[in-house]
Amino acid sequence: METIWIEHDNGIKGQHGFSEEEISSEVEIDALIKSYEDCGIVVYGWIY
């Protein structure tokens, strides 16, 4: 397992927050980002 940090707005425009996520491979990152966006959360970036 690898840990990534996702920087996002918590669903509130202009806000900044971070979430720690566990992934098995880098291939999962796009789906993980999409799951945030599907919930109305803007993702600013991520650190692998």
Protein backbone atom coordinates (compact mmCIF):
# COMPACT_ATOMS: atom_id res chain seq x y z
CA MET A 1 0.00 0.00 0.00
CA GLU A 2 1.06 3.54 -0.75
CA THR A 3 -0.16 6.72 0.92
CA ILE A 4 -1.12 9.82 -1.07
CA TRP A 5 -2.24 13.23 0.13
CA ILE A 6 -5.06 14.93 -1.75
CA GLU A 7 -5.46 18.71 -1.51
CA HIS A 8 -9.07 19.79 -1.97
CA ASP A 9 -11.71 22.35 -1.04
CA ASN A 10 -13.86 20.13 1.25
CA GLY A 11 -16.80 21.01 -1.01
CA ILE A 12 -16.61 24.68 0.06
CA LYS A 13 -15.35 27.09 -2.60
CA GLY A 14 -11.98 28.61 -1.70
CA GLN A 15 -11.32 26.35 1.29
CA HIS A 16 -8.21 24.15 1.43
CA GLY A 17 -7.90 20.83 3.16
CA PHE A 18 -5.96 17.60 2.86
CA SER A 19 -6.99 13.97 2.99
CA GLU A 20 -4.71 10.97 3.36
CA GLU A 21 -5.65 7.99 1.19
CA GLU A 22 -4.21 4.49 0.82
CA ILE A 23 -3.86 3.04 -2.68
CA SER A 24 -2.45 -0.22 -4.04
CA SER A 25 -1.00 1.34 -7.19
CA GLU A 26 -0.71 4.65 -9.01
CA VAL A 27 -3.39 3.43 -11.45
CA GLU A 28 -6.03 4.04 -8.74
CA ILE A 29 -5.34 7.78 -8.45
CA ASP A 30 -7.59 8.92 -11.32
CA ALA A 31 -10.57 6.95 -9.98
CA LEU A 32 -9.97 8.30 -6.48
CA ILE A 33 -9.84 11.91 -7.74
CA LYS A 34 -13.03 11.31 -9.75
CA SER A 35 -14.79 10.03 -6.63
CA TYR A 36 -14.00 13.32 -4.86
CA GLU A 37 -15.20 15.35 -7.85
CA ASP A 38 -18.40 13.28 -8.11
CA CYS A 39 -19.18 14.48 -4.56
CA GLY A 40 -18.75 18.14 -5.58
CA ILE A 41 -15.25 18.48 -4.13
CA VAL A 42 -12.66 20.41 -6.12
CA VAL A 43 -9.28 18.65 -6.09
CA TYR A 44 -6.34 21.04 -6.34
CA GLY A 45 -3.67 18.35 -6.53
CA TRP A 46 -2.11 15.33 -4.92
CA ILE A 47 1.26 14.16 -3.61
CA TYR A 48 2.31 10.54 -4.13
